[in-house]
Amino acid sequence: MIQGALEIMGIPYTGSGVLGSALSMDKLRAKQIWLGAGLPTPPYSLIDQHSDFAEVAKLIGLPMAVKPVDEGSSLGVTKVKNAGEIPAAWRTANKLDDRVLAEKWISGKEYTAAILRGEALPLIRIETPREFYDYEAKYKADDTRFYCPCGLDKKLEQALQALALEAFKALGCEGWGRIDFICDTSDRPWLIEANTIPGMTDHSLVPLAAQAAGIDFDELVWRILETSVTNKAKAGKA
C-alpha cells in the first residue's frame, strides 16, 4: 500500500494512515468492524465457487449485491435479483478479486458524507436513472444528479453526519475522506463503504460538499494539505 511505502521513505502524505486506508479498502473488514461497533451495515456473506448459492439467497434475501472485497468505483458489482444469477455475478467479481462479498441490497436514497478534519460536511444525495450508482453512473453518464443541500430536515441530517463520523473513526481513518450510505424506505441508514482518497476535481463530491459549507476549492485543498502535518510526524518515525 502506498501509505506504507511513503512512511518507510519518510514522505508526508494527506489523509488516513496505513491502518485506516487498508481497512477502508477491505469491504469485509470494514463491515466486521462496523458491526462490532454496533453500527448499521447490510447483512452479508463471503462466497466462493463452493458456496450453496440458494442458501446464500435464503440467508441474505433478494435482491442482493455481489461485489469484490478489494475494489473501488463499483467495479465488478452486480445487482442480483434471483438465486440463479449469483454464479455469474460471482464470476464477474472474482475476475477482480479472490474474495467476493454477497450483501443485502438496500433500496432507498443514497447519500455520501464528506469528512474534513473531524467534521462532516453537508450531505450529498445521489440520484441515477440506472439500476444503481455504478461505474457508468459515476464517471460517464451525464444524467447522474447530485443534490446538496440533500433535502433532509436539519435534525436527521445532523444524525447522519454523526453516524458518518463514527463510522470513519471506527476504521481508524484520519484527515479527510467520505462515507457512503443508503437510507431505506423507513429512513434507516445503512453504511456501505468508506473512501479514504475521494476524487478531487472541481466536479467531485468532496468539493461540492465543501462549497455548500462555504469552503471554496483552493481553501479545501489547503485544509487537506494541512492533514499531512500529522502524518509527517508518523513518517519521521519510520
C-alpha atoms as a PDB file:
ATOM      1  CA  MET A   1       0.000   0.000   0.000  1.00  0.00           C
ATOM      2  CA  ILE A   2       1.306   3.450  -0.992  1.00  0.00           C
ATOM      3  CA  GLN A   3       0.847   4.925   2.509  1.00  0.00           C
ATOM      4  CA  GLY A   4       3.211   2.316   3.961  1.00  0.00           C
ATOM      5  CA  ALA A   5       5.789   2.998   1.267  1.00  0.00           C
ATOM      6  CA  LEU A   6       5.611   6.743   1.941  1.00  0.00           C
ATOM      7  CA  GLU A   7       6.098   6.207   5.673  1.00  0.00           C
ATOM      8  CA  ILE A   8       9.137   3.988   5.067  1.00  0.00           C
ATOM      9  CA  MET A   9      10.619   6.729   2.871  1.00  0.00           C
ATOM     10  CA  GLY A  10       9.745   9.442   5.405  1.00  0.00           C
ATOM     11  CA  ILE A  11       7.493  11.300   2.965  1.00  0.00           C
ATOM     12  CA  PRO A  12       4.417  13.042   4.455  1.00  0.00           C
ATOM     13  CA  TYR A  13       1.016  12.445   2.880  1.00  0.00           C
ATOM     14  CA  THR A  14      -2.555  13.562   3.442  1.00  0.00           C
ATOM     15  CA  GLY A  15      -5.457  11.689   4.950  1.00  0.00           C
ATOM     16  CA  SER A  16      -5.612   8.253   6.532  1.00  0.00           C
ATOM     17  CA  GLY A  17      -2.610   6.193   7.526  1.00  0.00           C
ATOM     18  CA  VAL A  18      -1.847   2.582   6.669  1.00  0.00           C
ATOM     19  CA  LEU A  19      -4.441   1.063   9.025  1.00  0.00           C
ATOM     20  CA  GLY A  20      -7.381   3.283   8.062  1.00  0.00           C
ATOM     21  CA  SER A  21      -6.568   3.035   4.362  1.00  0.00           C
ATOM     22  CA  ALA A  22      -6.266  -0.755   4.437  1.00  0.00           C
ATOM     23  CA  LEU A  23      -9.428  -1.328   6.470  1.00  0.00           C
ATOM     24  CA  SER A  24     -11.480   1.014   4.287  1.00  0.00           C
ATOM     25  CA  MET A  25     -10.356  -0.713   1.091  1.00  0.00           C
ATOM     26  CA  ASP A  26     -11.252  -4.110   2.549  1.00  0.00           C
ATOM     27  CA  LYS A  27     -15.074  -4.108   2.479  1.00  0.00           C
ATOM     28  CA  LEU A  28     -15.267  -7.299   4.541  1.00  0.00           C
ATOM     29  CA  ARG A  29     -13.071  -5.989   7.381  1.00  0.00           C
ATOM     30  CA  ALA A  30     -14.837  -2.629   7.313  1.00  0.00           C
ATOM     31  CA  LYS A  31     -18.230  -4.303   7.738  1.00  0.00           C
ATOM     32  CA  GLN A  32     -16.925  -6.514  10.547  1.00  0.00           C
ATOM     33  CA  ILE A  33     -15.570  -3.502  12.414  1.00  0.00           C
ATOM     34  CA  TRP A  34     -18.769  -1.520  11.936  1.00  0.00           C
ATOM     35  CA  LEU A  35     -20.855  -4.415  13.186  1.00  0.00           C
ATOM     36  CA  GLY A  36     -18.532  -4.851  16.163  1.00  0.00           C
ATOM     37  CA  ALA A  37     -19.008  -1.156  16.951  1.00  0.00           C
ATOM     38  CA  GLY A  38     -22.789  -1.518  16.768  1.00  0.00           C
ATOM     39  CA  LEU A  39     -23.070   0.472  13.528  1.00  0.00           C
ATOM     40  CA  PRO A  40     -25.613  -0.432  10.823  1.00  0.00           C
ATOM     41  CA  THR A  41     -24.367  -2.132   7.669  1.00  0.00           C
ATOM     42  CA  PRO A  42     -26.273  -4.597   5.437  1.00  0.00           C
ATOM     43  CA  PRO A  43     -26.179  -8.348   6.195  1.00  0.00           C
ATOM     44  CA  TYR A  44     -23.561 -10.165   4.125  1.00  0.00           C
ATOM     45  CA  SER A  45     -21.823 -13.433   3.339  1.00  0.00           C
ATOM     46  CA  LEU A  46     -18.410 -14.188   1.867  1.00  0.00           C
ATOM     47  CA  ILE A  47     -18.957 -16.509  -1.100  1.00  0.00           C
ATOM     48  CA  ASP A  48     -16.840 -18.656  -3.415  1.00  0.00           C
ATOM     49  CA  GLN A  49     -17.384 -21.280  -6.131  1.00  0.00           C
ATOM     50  CA  HIS A  50     -18.261 -23.896  -3.496  1.00  0.00           C
ATOM     51  CA  SER A  51     -20.987 -21.833  -1.818  1.00  0.00           C
ATOM     52  CA  ASP A  52     -24.567 -23.032  -1.760  1.00  0.00           C
ATOM     53  CA  PHE A  53     -25.962 -20.040  -3.638  1.00  0.00           C
ATOM     54  CA  ALA A  54     -29.587 -20.947  -2.943  1.00  0.00           C
ATOM     55  CA  GLU A  55     -28.790 -20.991   0.775  1.00  0.00           C
ATOM     56  CA  VAL A  56     -26.957 -17.651   0.458  1.00  0.00           C
ATOM     57  CA  ALA A  57     -30.037 -16.132  -1.187  1.00  0.00           C
ATOM     58  CA  LYS A  58     -32.220 -17.508   1.603  1.00  0.00           C
ATOM     59  CA  LEU A  59     -29.862 -16.225   4.311  1.00  0.00           C
ATOM     60  CA  ILE A  60     -29.363 -12.690   2.958  1.00  0.00           C
ATOM     61  CA  GLY A  61     -32.521 -12.193   0.942  1.00  0.00           C
ATOM     62  CA  LEU A  62     -33.041 -10.875  -2.571  1.00  0.00           C
ATOM     63  CA  PRO A  63     -32.152  -8.688  -4.258  1.00  0.00           C
ATOM     64  CA  MET A  64     -28.501  -8.627  -3.227  1.00  0.00           C
ATOM     65  CA  ALA A  65     -25.263  -7.017  -4.356  1.00  0.00           C
ATOM     66  CA  VAL A  66     -22.351  -9.271  -5.299  1.00  0.00           C
ATOM     67  CA  LYS A  67     -19.054  -7.409  -5.256  1.00  0.00           C
ATOM     68  CA  PRO A  68     -15.274  -7.793  -4.990  1.00  0.00           C
ATOM     69  CA  VAL A  69     -13.970  -7.210  -1.463  1.00  0.00           C
ATOM     70  CA  ASP A  70     -10.991  -5.075  -2.520  1.00  0.00           C
ATOM     71  CA  GLU A  71     -12.194  -2.874  -5.367  1.00  0.00           C
ATOM     72  CA  GLY A  72     -13.478   0.651  -5.811  1.00  0.00           C
ATOM     73  CA  SER A  73     -15.628   2.663  -8.229  1.00  0.00           C
ATOM     74  CA  SER A  74     -18.303  -0.099  -8.219  1.00  0.00           C
ATOM     75  CA  LEU A  75     -16.114  -2.243 -10.451  1.00  0.00           C
ATOM     76  CA  GLY A  76     -17.309  -5.836 -10.596  1.00  0.00           C
ATOM     77  CA  VAL A  77     -20.564  -5.115  -8.731  1.00  0.00           C
ATOM     78  CA  THR A  78     -23.753  -6.889  -9.851  1.00  0.00           C
ATOM     79  CA  LYS A  79     -27.299  -6.467  -8.590  1.00  0.00           C
ATOM     80  CA  VAL A  80     -28.717  -9.985  -8.281  1.00  0.00           C
ATOM     81  CA  LYS A  81     -32.499 -10.430  -8.368  1.00  0.00           C
ATOM     82  CA  ASN A  82     -32.757 -14.224  -8.235  1.00  0.00           C
ATOM     83  CA  ALA A  83     -30.530 -17.026  -6.957  1.00  0.00           C
ATOM     84  CA  GLY A  84     -29.852 -18.281 -10.476  1.00  0.00           C
ATOM     85  CA  GLU A  85     -27.918 -15.083 -11.232  1.00  0.00           C
ATOM     86  CA  ILE A  86     -25.466 -15.489  -8.340  1.00  0.00           C
ATOM     87  CA  PRO A  87     -22.926 -17.793 -10.103  1.00  0.00           C
ATOM     88  CA  ALA A  88     -22.455 -15.343 -12.999  1.00  0.00           C
ATOM     89  CA  ALA A  89     -22.259 -12.404 -10.570  1.00  0.00           C
ATOM     90  CA  TRP A  90     -19.647 -14.279  -8.524  1.00  0.00           C
ATOM     91  CA  ARG A  91     -17.555 -14.908 -11.667  1.00  0.00           C
ATOM     92  CA  THR A  92     -17.724 -11.218 -12.587  1.00  0.00           C
ATOM     93  CA  ALA A  93     -16.482 -10.155  -9.150  1.00  0.00           C
ATOM     94  CA  ASN A  94     -13.940 -12.988  -8.922  1.00  0.00           C
ATOM     95  CA  LYS A  95     -12.182 -11.714 -12.051  1.00  0.00           C
ATOM     96  CA  LEU A  96     -11.120  -8.698  -9.968  1.00  0.00           C
ATOM     97  CA  ASP A  97     -10.641 -10.251  -6.519  1.00  0.00           C
ATOM     98  CA  ASP A  98     -10.245 -13.685  -4.941  1.00  0.00           C
ATOM     99  CA  ARG A  99     -12.659 -12.656  -2.197  1.00  0.00           C
ATOM    100  CA  VAL A 100     -16.268 -11.925  -3.145  1.00  0.00           C
ATOM    101  CA  LEU A 101     -18.971 -10.468  -0.920  1.00  0.00           C
ATOM    102  CA  ALA A 102     -22.714 -11.023  -1.196  1.00  0.00           C
ATOM    103  CA  GLU A 103     -24.572  -8.195   0.549  1.00  0.00           C
ATOM    104  CA  LYS A 104     -28.257  -7.497   1.089  1.00  0.00           C
ATOM    105  CA  TRP A 105     -29.486  -4.890  -1.386  1.00  0.00           C
ATOM    106  CA  ILE A 106     -30.827  -1.788   0.330  1.00  0.00           C
ATOM    107  CA  SER A 107     -33.469   0.076  -1.657  1.00  0.00           C
ATOM    108  CA  GLY A 108     -33.731   3.755  -0.854  1.00  0.00           C
ATOM    109  CA  LYS A 109     -31.912   7.049  -1.221  1.00  0.00           C
ATOM    110  CA  GLU A 110     -28.137   7.112  -1.498  1.00  0.00           C
ATOM    111  CA  TYR A 111     -26.041   9.696   0.344  1.00  0.00           C
ATOM    112  CA  THR A 112     -22.404  10.490   0.860  1.00  0.00           C
ATOM    113  CA  ALA A 113     -20.834  12.367   3.760  1.00  0.00           C
ATOM    114  CA  ALA A 114     -17.542  14.130   3.145  1.00  0.00           C
ATOM    115  CA  ILE A 115     -15.318  14.209   6.230  1.00  0.00           C
ATOM    116  CA  LEU A 116     -12.808  17.019   6.692  1.00  0.00           C
ATOM    117  CA  ARG A 117     -10.589  17.248   9.755  1.00  0.00           C
ATOM    118  CA  GLY A 118     -13.045  15.812  12.240  1.00  0.00           C
ATOM    119  CA  GLU A 119     -16.200  17.358  10.797  1.00  0.00           C
ATOM    120  CA  ALA A 120     -18.845  16.015   8.441  1.00  0.00           C
ATOM    121  CA  LEU A 121     -19.686  18.436   5.635  1.00  0.00           C
ATOM    122  CA  PRO A 122     -23.241  18.867   4.287  1.00  0.00           C
ATOM    123  CA  LEU A 123     -24.594  15.582   2.927  1.00  0.00           C
ATOM    124  CA  ILE A 124     -24.981  14.949  -0.792  1.00  0.00           C
ATOM    125  CA  ARG A 125     -27.907  12.934  -2.164  1.00  0.00           C
ATOM    126  CA  ILE A 126     -27.093  10.931  -5.285  1.00  0.00           C
ATOM    127  CA  GLU A 127     -29.661  10.007  -7.923  1.00  0.00           C
ATOM    128  CA  THR A 128     -29.229   7.983 -11.091  1.00  0.00           C
ATOM    129  CA  PRO A 129     -31.801   6.558 -13.530  1.00  0.00           C
ATOM    130  CA  ARG A 130     -29.584   3.468 -13.840  1.00  0.00           C
ATOM    131  CA  GLU A 131     -30.093   0.291 -11.803  1.00  0.00           C
ATOM    132  CA  PHE A 132     -27.633   1.651  -9.232  1.00  0.00           C
ATOM    133  CA  TYR A 133     -24.760   4.119  -8.851  1.00  0.00           C
ATOM    134  CA  ASP A 134     -22.351   2.004 -10.902  1.00  0.00           C
ATOM    135  CA  TYR A 135     -19.108   2.838 -12.735  1.00  0.00           C
ATOM    136  CA  GLU A 136     -21.020   4.223 -15.716  1.00  0.00           C
ATOM    137  CA  ALA A 137     -23.146   6.483 -13.484  1.00  0.00           C
ATOM    138  CA  LYS A 138     -20.078   7.677 -11.574  1.00  0.00           C
ATOM    139  CA  TYR A 139     -17.761   8.505 -14.446  1.00  0.00           C
ATOM    140  CA  LYS A 140     -19.517   8.535 -17.811  1.00  0.00           C
ATOM    141  CA  ALA A 141     -23.252   9.218 -17.618  1.00  0.00           C
ATOM    142  CA  ASP A 142     -24.478  12.795 -17.873  1.00  0.00           C
ATOM    143  CA  ASP A 143     -27.811  12.097 -16.151  1.00  0.00           C
ATOM    144  CA  THR A 144     -26.481  11.386 -12.633  1.00  0.00           C
ATOM    145  CA  ARG A 145     -27.698  14.078 -10.238  1.00  0.00           C
ATOM    146  CA  PHE A 146     -26.119  15.326  -7.008  1.00  0.00           C
ATOM    147  CA  TYR A 147     -28.163  17.345  -4.516  1.00  0.00           C
ATOM    148  CA  CYS A 148     -26.501  19.480  -1.866  1.00  0.00           C
ATOM    149  CA  PRO A 149     -28.376  20.558   0.228  1.00  0.00           C
ATOM    150  CA  CYS A 150     -29.610  16.975   0.286  1.00  0.00           C
ATOM    151  CA  GLY A 151     -33.239  17.751   1.187  1.00  0.00           C
ATOM    152  CA  LEU A 152     -33.289  16.159   4.657  1.00  0.00           C
ATOM    153  CA  ASP A 153     -34.506  18.064   7.684  1.00  0.00           C
ATOM    154  CA  LYS A 154     -31.712  19.505   9.794  1.00  0.00           C
ATOM    155  CA  LYS A 155     -32.074  17.122  12.734  1.00  0.00           C
ATOM    156  CA  LEU A 156     -31.927  13.975  10.568  1.00  0.00           C
ATOM    157  CA  GLU A 157     -29.004  15.308   8.535  1.00  0.00           C
ATOM    158  CA  GLN A 158     -27.060  16.019  11.721  1.00  0.00           C
ATOM    159  CA  ALA A 159     -27.761  12.489  12.983  1.00  0.00           C
ATOM    160  CA  LEU A 160     -26.483  11.020   9.729  1.00  0.00           C
ATOM    161  CA  GLN A 161     -23.403  13.235   9.825  1.00  0.00           C
ATOM    162  CA  ALA A 162     -22.685  11.963  13.341  1.00  0.00           C
ATOM    163  CA  LEU A 163     -23.059   8.371  12.123  1.00  0.00           C
ATOM    164  CA  ALA A 164     -20.639   9.029   9.261  1.00  0.00           C
ATOM    165  CA  LEU A 165     -18.061  10.452  11.667  1.00  0.00           C
ATOM    166  CA  GLU A 166     -18.438   7.452  13.955  1.00  0.00           C
ATOM    167  CA  ALA A 167     -18.021   5.053  11.018  1.00  0.00           C
ATOM    168  CA  PHE A 168     -14.954   6.977   9.799  1.00  0.00           C
ATOM    169  CA  LYS A 169     -13.283   6.901  13.206  1.00  0.00           C
ATOM    170  CA  ALA A 170     -14.127   3.218  13.790  1.00  0.00           C
ATOM    171  CA  LEU A 171     -11.954   2.304  10.798  1.00  0.00           C
ATOM    172  CA  GLY A 172      -9.045   4.384  12.055  1.00  0.00           C
ATOM    173  CA  CYS A 173      -9.464   6.930   9.259  1.00  0.00           C
ATOM    174  CA  GLU A 174      -7.991  10.406   9.590  1.00  0.00           C
ATOM    175  CA  GLY A 175      -7.882  13.801   7.929  1.00  0.00           C
ATOM    176  CA  TRP A 176     -10.385  13.621   5.134  1.00  0.00           C
ATOM    177  CA  GLY A 177     -12.444  11.134   3.154  1.00  0.00           C
ATOM    178  CA  ARG A 178     -16.013  10.024   2.512  1.00  0.00           C
ATOM    179  CA  ILE A 179     -18.566   7.651   3.981  1.00  0.00           C
ATOM    180  CA  ASP A 180     -21.238   6.305   1.616  1.00  0.00           C
ATOM    181  CA  PHE A 181     -24.572   5.019   2.893  1.00  0.00           C
ATOM    182  CA  ILE A 182     -28.162   4.359   1.867  1.00  0.00           C
ATOM    183  CA  CYS A 183     -31.310   5.252   3.790  1.00  0.00           C
ATOM    184  CA  ASP A 184     -34.011   2.628   3.269  1.00  0.00           C
ATOM    185  CA  THR A 185     -37.703   3.349   2.803  1.00  0.00           C
ATOM    186  CA  SER A 186     -38.045   3.722   6.593  1.00  0.00           C
ATOM    187  CA  ASP A 187     -35.209   6.296   6.611  1.00  0.00           C
ATOM    188  CA  ARG A 188     -32.925   3.861   8.430  1.00  0.00           C
ATOM    189  CA  PRO A 189     -29.286   4.372   7.353  1.00  0.00           C
ATOM    190  CA  TRP A 190     -27.041   1.509   6.214  1.00  0.00           C
ATOM    191  CA  LEU A 191     -23.301   2.040   5.869  1.00  0.00           C
ATOM    192  CA  ILE A 192     -21.963   0.825   2.521  1.00  0.00           C
ATOM    193  CA  GLU A 193     -18.309   1.812   2.345  1.00  0.00           C
ATOM    194  CA  ALA A 194     -15.577   4.301   3.204  1.00  0.00           C
ATOM    195  CA  ASN A 195     -13.402   6.128   0.710  1.00  0.00           C
ATOM    196  CA  THR A 196     -10.093   7.484   2.010  1.00  0.00           C
ATOM    197  CA  ILE A 197      -8.929   9.026  -1.281  1.00  0.00           C
ATOM    198  CA  PRO A 198     -12.013  10.590  -2.910  1.00  0.00           C
ATOM    199  CA  GLY A 199     -11.912  12.393  -6.220  1.00  0.00           C
ATOM    200  CA  MET A 200     -10.692  15.979  -6.111  1.00  0.00           C
ATOM    201  CA  THR A 201     -11.655  17.581  -9.393  1.00  0.00           C
ATOM    202  CA  ASP A 202     -13.912  20.610  -9.350  1.00  0.00           C
ATOM    203  CA  HIS A 203     -16.766  18.231 -10.259  1.00  0.00           C
ATOM    204  CA  SER A 204     -16.105  15.705  -7.481  1.00  0.00           C
ATOM    205  CA  LEU A 205     -18.279  15.156  -4.411  1.00  0.00           C
ATOM    206  CA  VAL A 206     -15.978  16.419  -1.644  1.00  0.00           C
ATOM    207  CA  PRO A 207     -15.513  19.822  -3.341  1.00  0.00           C
ATOM    208  CA  LEU A 208     -19.295  20.007  -3.848  1.00  0.00           C
ATOM    209  CA  ALA A 209     -19.947  19.405  -0.137  1.00  0.00           C
ATOM    210  CA  ALA A 210     -17.207  21.864   0.811  1.00  0.00           C
ATOM    211  CA  GLN A 211     -18.731  24.523  -1.412  1.00  0.00           C
ATOM    212  CA  ALA A 212     -22.069  24.054   0.373  1.00  0.00           C
ATOM    213  CA  ALA A 213     -20.211  24.603   3.655  1.00  0.00           C
ATOM    214  CA  GLY A 214     -18.719  27.862   2.360  1.00  0.00           C
ATOM    215  CA  ILE A 215     -15.275  26.418   1.583  1.00  0.00           C
ATOM    216  CA  ASP A 216     -14.008  27.176  -1.906  1.00  0.00           C
ATOM    217  CA  PHE A 217     -11.801  24.751  -3.851  1.00  0.00           C
ATOM    218  CA  ASP A 218      -8.479  26.465  -3.067  1.00  0.00           C
ATOM    219  CA  GLU A 219      -9.268  26.600   0.657  1.00  0.00           C
ATOM    220  CA  LEU A 220     -10.332  22.943   0.598  1.00  0.00           C
ATOM    221  CA  VAL A 221      -7.016  21.934  -0.958  1.00  0.00           C
ATOM    222  CA  TRP A 222      -5.101  23.825   1.745  1.00  0.00           C
ATOM    223  CA  ARG A 223      -7.150  22.239   4.526  1.00  0.00           C
ATOM    224  CA  ILE A 224      -6.480  18.781   3.105  1.00  0.00           C
ATOM    225  CA  LEU A 225      -2.764  19.546   2.736  1.00  0.00           C
ATOM    226  CA  GLU A 226      -2.676  20.555   6.373  1.00  0.00           C
ATOM    227  CA  THR A 227      -3.639  16.992   7.324  1.00  0.00           C
ATOM    228  CA  SER A 228      -0.177  15.939   6.143  1.00  0.00           C
ATOM    229  CA  VAL A 229       1.321  17.629   9.243  1.00  0.00           C
ATOM    230  CA  THR A 230       0.087  14.752  11.437  1.00  0.00           C
ATOM    231  CA  ASN A 231       1.323  12.156   9.018  1.00  0.00           C
ATOM    232  CA  LYS A 232       4.684  13.894   8.725  1.00  0.00           C
ATOM    233  CA  ALA A 233       5.290  13.023  12.365  1.00  0.00           C
ATOM    234  CA  LYS A 234       4.403   9.392  11.609  1.00  0.00           C
ATOM    235  CA  ALA A 235       6.653   9.314   8.571  1.00  0.00           C
ATOM    236  CA  GLY A 236       9.547  10.774  10.507  1.00  0.00           C
ATOM    237  CA  LYS A 237       9.412   7.854  12.929  1.00  0.00           C
ATOM    238  CA  ALA A 238       9.567   5.243  10.172  1.00  0.00           C
END
